[in-house]
């Protein structure tokens, strides 16, 4: 059974294993620095569907299918699936996964959903309530832009601190038995709000929550950044990363020697027109289910922190002039 450590961290006793993973991304993501790491990519933003939303659902379905195929599992072998996305009422997940016939636990953590779903799936496995579970999420540049900002045909100019929503999906399969990296600890973050109101500046909105979650994890586990191979954040981009360094420095931690951001890994900020980097649920999910897992397989990683960061806004709250709260959830992956 899971054991609480300190104020927020949960240590898992059965060490749920990541036995498989699958990823799929869009054309621009595939053209980025780690494009060769992903299992599949698409060249058509519609992915053969009639809408961008249906395309996102298909991305999520495909990522799950890839992960299942790698270990010769069928949907009926999975006890539960934990999923969410950025679309209203999480229709990317519900429509994408409905054909599998797997008990569905829908989640909304904005861009923090990958760590949220993986953390909850691990706790279910550790409790004995589940033997095998899938954690999956997705995002799509076109569906997110027209929901949160402007219609694509409006042709609006993005500000320099804006990030590009990743078109992609990542899925991992967790099991109470088997081989592979395992989830050792989970820390769920609290909501932070620094009164950021600029919907283009997601990095600044999420960085305070990333700092808060990391600080509590280090205090709970009596560790420092130097104890980990890498500390991955989800999609802070260049603006949020610099702010995170400053906030953590005030707490007495130097992250620069151990930190990497998925939003800065997935795109070439200089060669591709992405401004401050990548964002979206599919950003950290696709990087985890490819680049990071490959490093465990090669033996480069033995102990990392993976933290997805989310901005908890909606079109309604933005139109009403509300600030953008942030939340960040963390999983400690070891081998």
C-alpha atoms as a PDB file:
ATOM      1  CA  UNK A   1       0.000   0.000   0.000  1.00  0.00           C
ATOM      2  CA  UNK A   2       1.096   3.541  -0.720  1.00  0.00           C
ATOM      3  CA  UNK A   3       2.817   5.476   2.066  1.00  0.00           C
ATOM      4  CA  UNK A   4       2.563   9.212   2.587  1.00  0.00           C
ATOM      5  CA  UNK A   5       5.925  10.977   2.873  1.00  0.00           C
ATOM      6  CA  UNK A   6       6.001  14.454   4.318  1.00  0.00           C
ATOM      7  CA  UNK A   7       3.151  16.779   3.395  1.00  0.00           C
ATOM      8  CA  UNK A   8       2.236  15.814  -0.182  1.00  0.00           C
ATOM      9  CA  UNK A   9       4.354  12.994  -1.571  1.00  0.00           C
ATOM     10  CA  UNK A  10       3.136   9.411  -1.936  1.00  0.00           C
ATOM     11  CA  UNK A  11       5.598   6.523  -2.133  1.00  0.00           C
ATOM     12  CA  UNK A  12       4.292   3.468  -3.986  1.00  0.00           C
ATOM     13  CA  UNK A  13       5.159   0.103  -2.499  1.00  0.00           C
ATOM     14  CA  UNK A  14       4.531  -2.178  -5.498  1.00  0.00           C
ATOM     15  CA  UNK A  15       6.417   0.100  -7.909  1.00  0.00           C
ATOM     16  CA  UNK A  16       4.023   0.060 -10.911  1.00  0.00           C
ATOM     17  CA  UNK A  17       5.986  -0.607 -14.099  1.00  0.00           C
ATOM     18  CA  UNK A  18       5.766   1.227 -17.394  1.00  0.00           C
ATOM     19  CA  UNK A  19       5.618  -1.813 -19.667  1.00  0.00           C
ATOM     20  CA  UNK A  20       4.821  -0.019 -22.934  1.00  0.00           C
ATOM     21  CA  UNK A  21       4.311   3.364 -24.509  1.00  0.00           C
ATOM     22  CA  UNK A  22       3.137   4.925 -27.756  1.00  0.00           C
ATOM     23  CA  UNK A  23       3.413   8.356 -29.350  1.00  0.00           C
ATOM     24  CA  UNK A  24       2.179  10.189 -32.423  1.00  0.00           C
ATOM     25  CA  UNK A  25       2.761  13.810 -33.433  1.00  0.00           C
ATOM     26  CA  UNK A  26       2.055  16.314 -36.163  1.00  0.00           C
ATOM     27  CA  UNK A  27       4.192  17.456 -39.080  1.00  0.00           C
ATOM     28  CA  UNK A  28       5.966  20.355 -37.340  1.00  0.00           C
ATOM     29  CA  UNK A  29       6.729  18.219 -34.277  1.00  0.00           C
ATOM     30  CA  UNK A  30       8.168  15.502 -36.499  1.00  0.00           C
ATOM     31  CA  UNK A  31      10.419  18.094 -38.149  1.00  0.00           C
ATOM     32  CA  UNK A  32      11.781  19.146 -34.733  1.00  0.00           C
ATOM     33  CA  UNK A  33      15.010  18.027 -33.009  1.00  0.00           C
ATOM     34  CA  UNK A  34      13.542  14.801 -31.563  1.00  0.00           C
ATOM     35  CA  UNK A  35      11.170  14.018 -34.427  1.00  0.00           C
ATOM     36  CA  UNK A  36      12.812  10.651 -35.058  1.00  0.00           C
ATOM     37  CA  UNK A  37      11.934   9.512 -31.526  1.00  0.00           C
ATOM     38  CA  UNK A  38       8.157   9.377 -32.075  1.00  0.00           C
ATOM     39  CA  UNK A  39       6.410   6.201 -33.197  1.00  0.00           C
ATOM     40  CA  UNK A  40       4.260   7.871 -35.849  1.00  0.00           C
ATOM     41  CA  UNK A  41       3.560  11.276 -37.314  1.00  0.00           C
ATOM     42  CA  UNK A  42       0.888  12.819 -39.512  1.00  0.00           C
ATOM     43  CA  UNK A  43       1.247  15.297 -42.360  1.00  0.00           C
ATOM     44  CA  UNK A  44      -2.425  16.273 -42.570  1.00  0.00           C
ATOM     45  CA  UNK A  45      -3.783  18.337 -39.662  1.00  0.00           C
ATOM     46  CA  UNK A  46      -7.198  16.750 -40.209  1.00  0.00           C
ATOM     47  CA  UNK A  47      -5.687  13.221 -39.973  1.00  0.00           C
ATOM     48  CA  UNK A  48      -8.246  12.122 -42.581  1.00  0.00           C
ATOM     49  CA  UNK A  49     -11.166  13.361 -40.468  1.00  0.00           C
ATOM     50  CA  UNK A  50     -13.741  16.122 -40.978  1.00  0.00           C
ATOM     51  CA  UNK A  51     -12.665  18.335 -38.082  1.00  0.00           C
ATOM     52  CA  UNK A  52      -9.618  19.126 -35.992  1.00  0.00           C
ATOM     53  CA  UNK A  53     -11.405  17.803 -32.908  1.00  0.00           C
ATOM     54  CA  UNK A  54     -11.996  14.434 -34.551  1.00  0.00           C
ATOM     55  CA  UNK A  55      -8.359  14.440 -35.625  1.00  0.00           C
ATOM     56  CA  UNK A  56      -7.287  14.903 -31.996  1.00  0.00           C
ATOM     57  CA  UNK A  57      -9.489  12.010 -30.900  1.00  0.00           C
ATOM     58  CA  UNK A  58      -7.842   9.866 -33.552  1.00  0.00           C
ATOM     59  CA  UNK A  59      -4.403  10.894 -32.294  1.00  0.00           C
ATOM     60  CA  UNK A  60      -5.261   9.683 -28.815  1.00  0.00           C
ATOM     61  CA  UNK A  61      -6.744   6.437 -30.088  1.00  0.00           C
ATOM     62  CA  UNK A  62      -3.669   5.798 -32.211  1.00  0.00           C
ATOM     63  CA  UNK A  63      -1.243   6.369 -29.323  1.00  0.00           C
ATOM     64  CA  UNK A  64      -3.117   3.784 -27.250  1.00  0.00           C
ATOM     65  CA  UNK A  65      -3.162   1.315 -30.134  1.00  0.00           C
ATOM     66  CA  UNK A  66       0.600   1.674 -30.590  1.00  0.00           C
ATOM     67  CA  UNK A  67       1.255   1.045 -26.894  1.00  0.00           C
ATOM     68  CA  UNK A  68      -1.009  -2.018 -26.842  1.00  0.00           C
ATOM     69  CA  UNK A  69       0.526  -3.472 -29.997  1.00  0.00           C
ATOM     70  CA  UNK A  70       4.089  -3.243 -28.655  1.00  0.00           C
ATOM     71  CA  UNK A  71       3.304  -5.704 -25.838  1.00  0.00           C
ATOM     72  CA  UNK A  72       0.667  -7.772 -27.650  1.00  0.00           C
ATOM     73  CA  UNK A  73      -2.154  -6.638 -25.381  1.00  0.00           C
ATOM     74  CA  UNK A  74      -5.793  -6.120 -26.280  1.00  0.00           C
ATOM     75  CA  UNK A  75      -8.160  -3.506 -24.842  1.00  0.00           C
ATOM     76  CA  UNK A  76      -9.854  -6.236 -22.798  1.00  0.00           C
ATOM     77  CA  UNK A  77      -6.537  -6.806 -20.974  1.00  0.00           C
ATOM     78  CA  UNK A  78      -6.651  -3.276 -19.537  1.00  0.00           C
ATOM     79  CA  UNK A  79      -8.609  -2.618 -16.347  1.00  0.00           C
ATOM     80  CA  UNK A  80      -8.890   1.184 -16.564  1.00  0.00           C
ATOM     81  CA  UNK A  81      -7.877   4.073 -18.758  1.00  0.00           C
ATOM     82  CA  UNK A  82      -7.073   7.504 -17.310  1.00  0.00           C
ATOM     83  CA  UNK A  83      -7.339  10.270 -19.890  1.00  0.00           C
ATOM     84  CA  UNK A  84      -8.085  13.909 -20.559  1.00  0.00           C
ATOM     85  CA  UNK A  85      -7.349  16.744 -22.968  1.00  0.00           C
ATOM     86  CA  UNK A  86      -7.799  20.490 -23.464  1.00  0.00           C
ATOM     87  CA  UNK A  87     -11.113  20.488 -25.307  1.00  0.00           C
ATOM     88  CA  UNK A  88     -14.392  21.409 -23.618  1.00  0.00           C
ATOM     89  CA  UNK A  89     -15.753  18.433 -21.663  1.00  0.00           C
ATOM     90  CA  UNK A  90     -12.628  16.464 -22.762  1.00  0.00           C
ATOM     91  CA  UNK A  91     -14.247  15.313 -25.991  1.00  0.00           C
ATOM     92  CA  UNK A  92     -10.856  14.471 -27.459  1.00  0.00           C
ATOM     93  CA  UNK A  93     -10.588  11.626 -24.952  1.00  0.00           C
ATOM     94  CA  UNK A  94     -14.194  10.453 -24.709  1.00  0.00           C
ATOM     95  CA  UNK A  95     -14.722  10.251 -28.462  1.00  0.00           C
ATOM     96  CA  UNK A  96     -11.251   8.890 -29.118  1.00  0.00           C
ATOM     97  CA  UNK A  97     -11.380   6.094 -26.565  1.00  0.00           C
ATOM     98  CA  UNK A  98     -15.043   5.052 -26.618  1.00  0.00           C
ATOM     99  CA  UNK A  99     -14.473   2.108 -28.981  1.00  0.00           C
ATOM    100  CA  UNK A 100     -12.003   0.352 -26.651  1.00  0.00           C
ATOM    101  CA  UNK A 101     -14.536  -0.748 -24.068  1.00  0.00           C
ATOM    102  CA  UNK A 102     -12.185   0.041 -21.171  1.00  0.00           C
ATOM    103  CA  UNK A 103     -13.520   1.619 -17.946  1.00  0.00           C
ATOM    104  CA  UNK A 104     -12.842   5.314 -18.446  1.00  0.00           C
ATOM    105  CA  UNK A 105     -11.666   7.748 -15.787  1.00  0.00           C
ATOM    106  CA  UNK A 106     -11.824  11.196 -17.357  1.00  0.00           C
ATOM    107  CA  UNK A 107      -9.528  13.871 -15.974  1.00  0.00           C
ATOM    108  CA  UNK A 108      -8.881  17.537 -16.498  1.00  0.00           C
ATOM    109  CA  UNK A 109      -5.596  19.017 -15.422  1.00  0.00           C
ATOM    110  CA  UNK A 110      -4.985  21.118 -18.521  1.00  0.00           C
ATOM    111  CA  UNK A 111      -1.379  20.565 -19.630  1.00  0.00           C
ATOM    112  CA  UNK A 112      -0.623  18.757 -16.336  1.00  0.00           C
ATOM    113  CA  UNK A 113      -2.850  15.842 -17.383  1.00  0.00           C
ATOM    114  CA  UNK A 114      -0.091  13.368 -18.313  1.00  0.00           C
ATOM    115  CA  UNK A 115       1.526  13.368 -14.872  1.00  0.00           C
ATOM    116  CA  UNK A 116      -1.919  13.509 -13.258  1.00  0.00           C
ATOM    117  CA  UNK A 117      -3.199  10.469 -15.166  1.00  0.00           C
ATOM    118  CA  UNK A 118       0.014   8.484 -14.684  1.00  0.00           C
ATOM    119  CA  UNK A 119       0.103   9.294 -10.981  1.00  0.00           C
ATOM    120  CA  UNK A 120      -3.506   8.270 -10.378  1.00  0.00           C
ATOM    121  CA  UNK A 121      -3.135   5.109 -12.475  1.00  0.00           C
ATOM    122  CA  UNK A 122      -0.076   4.158 -10.408  1.00  0.00           C
ATOM    123  CA  UNK A 123      -1.925   4.633  -7.133  1.00  0.00           C
ATOM    124  CA  UNK A 124      -4.815   2.461  -8.389  1.00  0.00           C
ATOM    125  CA  UNK A 125      -2.318  -0.284  -9.247  1.00  0.00           C
ATOM    126  CA  UNK A 126      -0.483   0.074  -5.950  1.00  0.00           C
ATOM    127  CA  UNK A 127      -3.765  -0.255  -4.048  1.00  0.00           C
ATOM    128  CA  UNK A 128      -4.541  -3.573  -5.715  1.00  0.00           C
ATOM    129  CA  UNK A 129      -7.693  -2.200  -7.354  1.00  0.00           C
ATOM    130  CA  UNK A 130      -6.112  -2.405 -10.813  1.00  0.00           C
ATOM    131  CA  UNK A 131      -3.602  -4.698 -12.507  1.00  0.00           C
ATOM    132  CA  UNK A 132      -3.060  -2.867 -15.778  1.00  0.00           C
ATOM    133  CA  UNK A 133      -3.955   0.714 -16.671  1.00  0.00           C
ATOM    134  CA  UNK A 134      -3.316   3.207 -19.432  1.00  0.00           C
ATOM    135  CA  UNK A 135      -2.516   6.888 -18.952  1.00  0.00           C
ATOM    136  CA  UNK A 136      -2.987   8.990 -22.077  1.00  0.00           C
ATOM    137  CA  UNK A 137      -3.621  12.551 -23.185  1.00  0.00           C
ATOM    138  CA  UNK A 138      -3.453  14.680 -26.315  1.00  0.00           C
ATOM    139  CA  UNK A 139      -3.598  18.155 -27.792  1.00  0.00           C
ATOM    140  CA  UNK A 140      -3.921  19.665 -31.250  1.00  0.00           C
ATOM    141  CA  UNK A 141      -2.695  23.079 -32.341  1.00  0.00           C
ATOM    142  CA  UNK A 142      -5.739  23.866 -34.448  1.00  0.00           C
ATOM    143  CA  UNK A 143      -8.409  22.712 -32.002  1.00  0.00           C
ATOM    144  CA  UNK A 144      -6.755  24.493 -29.072  1.00  0.00           C
ATOM    145  CA  UNK A 145      -6.158  27.754 -30.910  1.00  0.00           C
ATOM    146  CA  UNK A 146      -9.731  28.216 -31.994  1.00  0.00           C
ATOM    147  CA  UNK A 147     -11.095  27.252 -28.588  1.00  0.00           C
ATOM    148  CA  UNK A 148      -8.819  29.389 -26.426  1.00  0.00           C
ATOM    149  CA  UNK A 149      -7.696  32.232 -28.689  1.00  0.00           C
ATOM    150  CA  UNK A 150      -8.832  33.063 -32.222  1.00  0.00           C
ATOM    151  CA  UNK A 151     -10.234  31.227 -35.261  1.00  0.00           C
ATOM    152  CA  UNK A 152      -7.343  30.068 -37.432  1.00  0.00           C
ATOM    153  CA  UNK A 153      -8.554  32.015 -40.466  1.00  0.00           C
ATOM    154  CA  UNK A 154      -8.479  35.215 -38.417  1.00  0.00           C
ATOM    155  CA  UNK A 155      -4.720  35.343 -38.992  1.00  0.00           C
ATOM    156  CA  UNK A 156      -3.861  36.850 -35.602  1.00  0.00           C
ATOM    157  CA  UNK A 157      -0.225  37.526 -34.734  1.00  0.00           C
ATOM    158  CA  UNK A 158       1.171  35.706 -31.724  1.00  0.00           C
ATOM    159  CA  UNK A 159       3.202  37.576 -29.129  1.00  0.00           C
ATOM    160  CA  UNK A 160       6.879  36.673 -28.535  1.00  0.00           C
ATOM    161  CA  UNK A 161       6.060  35.001 -25.198  1.00  0.00           C
ATOM    162  CA  UNK A 162       3.360  32.806 -26.762  1.00  0.00           C
ATOM    163  CA  UNK A 163       3.867  29.056 -27.096  1.00  0.00           C
ATOM    164  CA  UNK A 164       2.668  26.731 -29.834  1.00  0.00           C
ATOM    165  CA  UNK A 165       0.262  23.987 -28.790  1.00  0.00           C
ATOM    166  CA  UNK A 166       1.752  20.619 -29.709  1.00  0.00           C
ATOM    167  CA  UNK A 167      -0.201  18.404 -32.067  1.00  0.00           C
ATOM    168  CA  UNK A 168       0.362  14.983 -30.595  1.00  0.00           C
ATOM    169  CA  UNK A 169      -0.526  12.281 -28.113  1.00  0.00           C
ATOM    170  CA  UNK A 170       1.356  10.014 -25.748  1.00  0.00           C
ATOM    171  CA  UNK A 171       0.194   6.892 -23.906  1.00  0.00           C
ATOM    172  CA  UNK A 172       1.865   4.636 -21.355  1.00  0.00           C
ATOM    173  CA  UNK A 173       0.725   1.263 -20.053  1.00  0.00           C
ATOM    174  CA  UNK A 174       1.296   0.616 -16.356  1.00  0.00           C
ATOM    175  CA  UNK A 175       1.263  -2.824 -14.762  1.00  0.00           C
ATOM    176  CA  UNK A 176       1.725  -4.450 -11.372  1.00  0.00           C
ATOM    177  CA  UNK A 177       4.117  -6.951 -12.958  1.00  0.00           C
ATOM    178  CA  UNK A 178       6.641  -7.093 -15.763  1.00  0.00           C
ATOM    179  CA  UNK A 179       9.856  -5.288 -16.602  1.00  0.00           C
ATOM    180  CA  UNK A 180      10.624  -1.661 -17.221  1.00  0.00           C
ATOM    181  CA  UNK A 181      10.984   1.678 -15.472  1.00  0.00           C
ATOM    182  CA  UNK A 182       8.661   2.084 -12.506  1.00  0.00           C
ATOM    183  CA  UNK A 183       6.902   4.953 -10.787  1.00  0.00           C
ATOM    184  CA  UNK A 184       8.344   5.261  -7.309  1.00  0.00           C
ATOM    185  CA  UNK A 185       6.727   8.428  -5.960  1.00  0.00           C
ATOM    186  CA  UNK A 186       3.921  10.811  -6.855  1.00  0.00           C
ATOM    187  CA  UNK A 187       3.364  14.392  -5.739  1.00  0.00           C
ATOM    188  CA  UNK A 188       0.146  16.185  -6.590  1.00  0.00           C
ATOM    189  CA  UNK A 189       0.411  19.964  -6.654  1.00  0.00           C
ATOM    190  CA  UNK A 190      -1.845  22.664  -5.310  1.00  0.00           C
ATOM    191  CA  UNK A 191      -3.353  25.500  -7.328  1.00  0.00           C
ATOM    192  CA  UNK A 192      -1.209  28.628  -7.452  1.00  0.00           C
ATOM    193  CA  UNK A 193      -2.266  31.999  -8.807  1.00  0.00           C
ATOM    194  CA  UNK A 194       0.135  34.877  -9.403  1.00  0.00           C
ATOM    195  CA  UNK A 195      -2.545  37.019 -11.104  1.00  0.00           C
ATOM    196  CA  UNK A 196      -1.241  36.430 -14.616  1.00  0.00           C
ATOM    197  CA  UNK A 197      -4.009  37.443 -17.043  1.00  0.00           C
ATOM    198  CA  UNK A 198      -2.223  37.263 -20.416  1.00  0.00           C
ATOM    199  CA  UNK A 199      -3.582  34.148 -22.176  1.00  0.00           C
ATOM    200  CA  UNK A 200      -0.512  34.145 -24.407  1.00  0.00           C
ATOM    201  CA  UNK A 201       1.915  33.889 -21.494  1.00  0.00           C
ATOM    202  CA  UNK A 202       1.320  30.332 -20.322  1.00  0.00           C
ATOM    203  CA  UNK A 203       4.886  29.919 -19.085  1.00  0.00           C
ATOM    204  CA  UNK A 204       4.554  32.698 -16.524  1.00  0.00           C
ATOM    205  CA  UNK A 205       1.197  31.329 -15.351  1.00  0.00           C
ATOM    206  CA  UNK A 206       2.540  27.790 -14.796  1.00  0.00           C
ATOM    207  CA  UNK A 207       6.041  28.409 -13.441  1.00  0.00           C
ATOM    208  CA  UNK A 208       4.913  29.278  -9.868  1.00  0.00           C
ATOM    209  CA  UNK A 209       3.034  25.979  -9.561  1.00  0.00           C
ATOM    210  CA  UNK A 210       6.067  24.080 -10.879  1.00  0.00           C
ATOM    211  CA  UNK A 211       8.213  25.739  -8.230  1.00  0.00           C
ATOM    212  CA  UNK A 212       5.700  24.959  -5.494  1.00  0.00           C
ATOM    213  CA  UNK A 213       5.408  21.268  -6.387  1.00  0.00           C
ATOM    214  CA  UNK A 214       9.162  20.781  -6.777  1.00  0.00           C
ATOM    215  CA  UNK A 215       9.912  22.534  -3.495  1.00  0.00           C
ATOM    216  CA  UNK A 216       7.472  20.336  -1.601  1.00  0.00           C
ATOM    217  CA  UNK A 217       8.796  17.181  -3.264  1.00  0.00           C
ATOM    218  CA  UNK A 218      12.392  18.013  -2.305  1.00  0.00           C
ATOM    219  CA  UNK A 219      11.334  18.796   1.263  1.00  0.00           C
ATOM    220  CA  UNK A 220       9.204  15.651   1.565  1.00  0.00           C
ATOM    221  CA  UNK A 221      11.950  13.353   0.232  1.00  0.00           C
ATOM    222  CA  UNK A 222      14.946  15.191   1.668  1.00  0.00           C
ATOM    223  CA  UNK A 223      16.554  15.325  -1.769  1.00  0.00           C
ATOM    224  CA  UNK A 224      18.011  17.993  -4.060  1.00  0.00           C
ATOM    225  CA  UNK A 225      18.140  18.459  -7.857  1.00  0.00           C
ATOM    226  CA  UNK A 226      21.569  16.796  -7.908  1.00  0.00           C
ATOM    227  CA  UNK A 227      19.998  13.485  -6.805  1.00  0.00           C
ATOM    228  CA  UNK A 228      18.252  13.081 -10.202  1.00  0.00           C
ATOM    229  CA  UNK A 229      19.532  12.499 -13.710  1.00  0.00           C
ATOM    230  CA  UNK A 230      17.111  15.049 -15.149  1.00  0.00           C
ATOM    231  CA  UNK A 231      14.126  17.039 -13.907  1.00  0.00           C
ATOM    232  CA  UNK A 232      11.617  17.407 -16.745  1.00  0.00           C
ATOM    233  CA  UNK A 233       8.909  20.037 -16.765  1.00  0.00           C
ATOM    234  CA  UNK A 234       5.997  19.832 -19.155  1.00  0.00           C
ATOM    235  CA  UNK A 235       5.711  22.946 -21.220  1.00  0.00           C
ATOM    236  CA  UNK A 236       7.040  26.029 -19.525  1.00  0.00           C
ATOM    237  CA  UNK A 237       8.840  27.123 -22.669  1.00  0.00           C
ATOM    238  CA  UNK A 238      11.646  29.661 -22.585  1.00  0.00           C
ATOM    239  CA  UNK A 239       9.763  32.287 -20.562  1.00  0.00           C
ATOM    240  CA  UNK A 240       8.454  29.888 -17.919  1.00  0.00           C
ATOM    241  CA  UNK A 241      11.788  28.074 -17.631  1.00  0.00           C
ATOM    242  CA  UNK A 242      13.693  31.250 -16.784  1.00  0.00           C
ATOM    243  CA  UNK A 243      11.024  32.210 -14.273  1.00  0.00           C
ATOM    244  CA  UNK A 244      11.178  28.739 -12.690  1.00  0.00           C
ATOM    245  CA  UNK A 245      14.951  29.076 -12.276  1.00  0.00           C
ATOM    246  CA  UNK A 246      14.484  32.405 -10.521  1.00  0.00           C
ATOM    247  CA  UNK A 247      11.724  31.130  -8.222  1.00  0.00           C
ATOM    248  CA  UNK A 248      13.635  27.971  -7.289  1.00  0.00           C
ATOM    249  CA  UNK A 249      16.790  29.987  -6.657  1.00  0.00           C
ATOM    250  CA  UNK A 250      14.861  31.993  -4.078  1.00  0.00           C
ATOM    251  CA  UNK A 251      14.032  28.685  -2.374  1.00  0.00           C
ATOM    252  CA  UNK A 252      17.691  27.682  -2.355  1.00  0.00           C
ATOM    253  CA  UNK A 253      17.710  25.273  -5.323  1.00  0.00           C
ATOM    254  CA  UNK A 254      19.755  25.514  -8.526  1.00  0.00           C
ATOM    255  CA  UNK A 255      17.905  23.695 -11.329  1.00  0.00           C
ATOM    256  CA  UNK A 256      20.023  24.778 -14.275  1.00  0.00           C
ATOM    257  CA  UNK A 257      22.364  21.792 -14.186  1.00  0.00           C
ATOM    258  CA  UNK A 258      19.567  19.195 -14.055  1.00  0.00           C
ATOM    259  CA  UNK A 259      16.522  20.666 -15.785  1.00  0.00           C
ATOM    260  CA  UNK A 260      14.998  20.200 -19.238  1.00  0.00           C
ATOM    261  CA  UNK A 261      11.633  21.359 -20.549  1.00  0.00           C
ATOM    262  CA  UNK A 262       9.586  19.265 -22.963  1.00  0.00           C
ATOM    263  CA  UNK A 263       8.317  22.422 -24.632  1.00  0.00           C
ATOM    264  CA  UNK A 264      11.888  23.359 -25.524  1.00  0.00           C
ATOM    265  CA  UNK A 265      12.899  19.846 -26.588  1.00  0.00           C
ATOM    266  CA  UNK A 266      10.129  19.164 -29.063  1.00  0.00           C
ATOM    267  CA  UNK A 267      10.698  22.216 -31.282  1.00  0.00           C
ATOM    268  CA  UNK A 268      13.718  24.075 -32.624  1.00  0.00           C
ATOM    269  CA  UNK A 269      13.031  27.526 -31.232  1.00  0.00           C
ATOM    270  CA  UNK A 270      15.423  29.181 -33.654  1.00  0.00           C
ATOM    271  CA  UNK A 271      14.664  27.191 -36.786  1.00  0.00           C
ATOM    272  CA  UNK A 272      10.908  26.792 -36.326  1.00  0.00           C
ATOM    273  CA  UNK A 273       8.398  29.593 -35.779  1.00  0.00           C
ATOM    274  CA  UNK A 274       7.246  28.562 -32.309  1.00  0.00           C
ATOM    275  CA  UNK A 275       8.168  31.706 -30.358  1.00  0.00           C
ATOM    276  CA  UNK A 276       8.616  30.645 -26.698  1.00  0.00           C
ATOM    277  CA  UNK A 277       8.360  26.874 -27.294  1.00  0.00           C
ATOM    278  CA  UNK A 278       5.753  24.138 -27.146  1.00  0.00           C
ATOM    279  CA  UNK A 279       2.736  23.637 -24.891  1.00  0.00           C
ATOM    280  CA  UNK A 280      -0.428  21.550 -24.650  1.00  0.00           C
ATOM    281  CA  UNK A 281      -1.346  18.216 -23.058  1.00  0.00           C
ATOM    282  CA  UNK A 282       0.337  16.362 -25.902  1.00  0.00           C
ATOM    283  CA  UNK A 283       3.659  18.119 -25.334  1.00  0.00           C
ATOM    284  CA  UNK A 284       4.934  16.356 -22.202  1.00  0.00           C
ATOM    285  CA  UNK A 285       2.915  13.222 -23.022  1.00  0.00           C
ATOM    286  CA  UNK A 286       4.524  12.620 -26.406  1.00  0.00           C
ATOM    287  CA  UNK A 287       8.024  13.404 -25.089  1.00  0.00           C
ATOM    288  CA  UNK A 288       7.553  11.027 -22.151  1.00  0.00           C
ATOM    289  CA  UNK A 289       6.225   8.236 -24.383  1.00  0.00           C
ATOM    290  CA  UNK A 290       9.213   8.470 -26.718  1.00  0.00           C
ATOM    291  CA  UNK A 291      12.371  10.440 -25.954  1.00  0.00           C
ATOM    292  CA  UNK A 292      12.349   9.893 -22.181  1.00  0.00           C
ATOM    293  CA  UNK A 293      11.402   6.207 -22.301  1.00  0.00           C
ATOM    294  CA  UNK A 294      14.074   5.578 -24.926  1.00  0.00           C
ATOM    295  CA  UNK A 295      16.681   6.992 -22.528  1.00  0.00           C
ATOM    296  CA  UNK A 296      15.614   4.519 -19.864  1.00  0.00           C
ATOM    297  CA  UNK A 297      15.913   1.693 -22.377  1.00  0.00           C
ATOM    298  CA  UNK A 298      19.437   2.759 -23.344  1.00  0.00           C
ATOM    299  CA  UNK A 299      20.518   3.013 -19.710  1.00  0.00           C
ATOM    300  CA  UNK A 300      21.132   6.763 -19.820  1.00  0.00           C
ATOM    301  CA  UNK A 301      18.502   7.375 -17.120  1.00  0.00           C
ATOM    302  CA  UNK A 302      18.043   5.645 -13.797  1.00  0.00           C
ATOM    303  CA  UNK A 303      16.172   8.224 -11.728  1.00  0.00           C
ATOM    304  CA  UNK A 304      14.241  11.231 -13.068  1.00  0.00           C
ATOM    305  CA  UNK A 305      11.459  13.591 -12.110  1.00  0.00           C
ATOM    306  CA  UNK A 306       8.712  14.183 -14.656  1.00  0.00           C
ATOM    307  CA  UNK A 307       6.387  17.076 -13.931  1.00  0.00           C
ATOM    308  CA  UNK A 308       3.556  18.220 -16.189  1.00  0.00           C
ATOM    309  CA  UNK A 309       2.457  21.829 -15.753  1.00  0.00           C
ATOM    310  CA  UNK A 310      -1.041  23.118 -16.419  1.00  0.00           C
ATOM    311  CA  UNK A 311      -2.780  26.484 -16.796  1.00  0.00           C
ATOM    312  CA  UNK A 312      -6.338  26.202 -15.471  1.00  0.00           C
ATOM    313  CA  UNK A 313      -8.097  28.703 -17.678  1.00  0.00           C
ATOM    314  CA  UNK A 314     -11.143  28.468 -19.904  1.00  0.00           C
ATOM    315  CA  UNK A 315     -12.556  30.770 -22.581  1.00  0.00           C
ATOM    316  CA  UNK A 316     -15.236  31.823 -20.089  1.00  0.00           C
ATOM    317  CA  UNK A 317     -12.775  32.813 -17.362  1.00  0.00           C
ATOM    318  CA  UNK A 318     -10.578  34.648 -19.874  1.00  0.00           C
ATOM    319  CA  UNK A 319     -13.495  36.608 -21.336  1.00  0.00           C
ATOM    320  CA  UNK A 320     -14.481  37.615 -17.802  1.00  0.00           C
ATOM    321  CA  UNK A 321     -10.999  38.968 -17.118  1.00  0.00           C
ATOM    322  CA  UNK A 322     -10.005  36.347 -14.562  1.00  0.00           C
ATOM    323  CA  UNK A 323      -6.396  35.447 -13.806  1.00  0.00           C
ATOM    324  CA  UNK A 324      -4.836  32.129 -14.875  1.00  0.00           C
ATOM    325  CA  UNK A 325      -4.273  29.672 -12.002  1.00  0.00           C
ATOM    326  CA  UNK A 326      -1.631  26.982 -12.454  1.00  0.00           C
ATOM    327  CA  UNK A 327      -1.127  23.442 -11.199  1.00  0.00           C
ATOM    328  CA  UNK A 328       1.748  20.969 -11.547  1.00  0.00           C
ATOM    329  CA  UNK A 329       1.862  17.258 -10.784  1.00  0.00           C
ATOM    330  CA  UNK A 330       5.027  15.180 -10.460  1.00  0.00           C
ATOM    331  CA  UNK A 331       6.019  11.533 -10.824  1.00  0.00           C
ATOM    332  CA  UNK A 332       9.396  10.053  -9.884  1.00  0.00           C
ATOM    333  CA  UNK A 333      10.443   7.400 -12.423  1.00  0.00           C
ATOM    334  CA  UNK A 334      13.253   4.947 -11.645  1.00  0.00           C
ATOM    335  CA  UNK A 335      14.743   1.787 -13.001  1.00  0.00           C
END
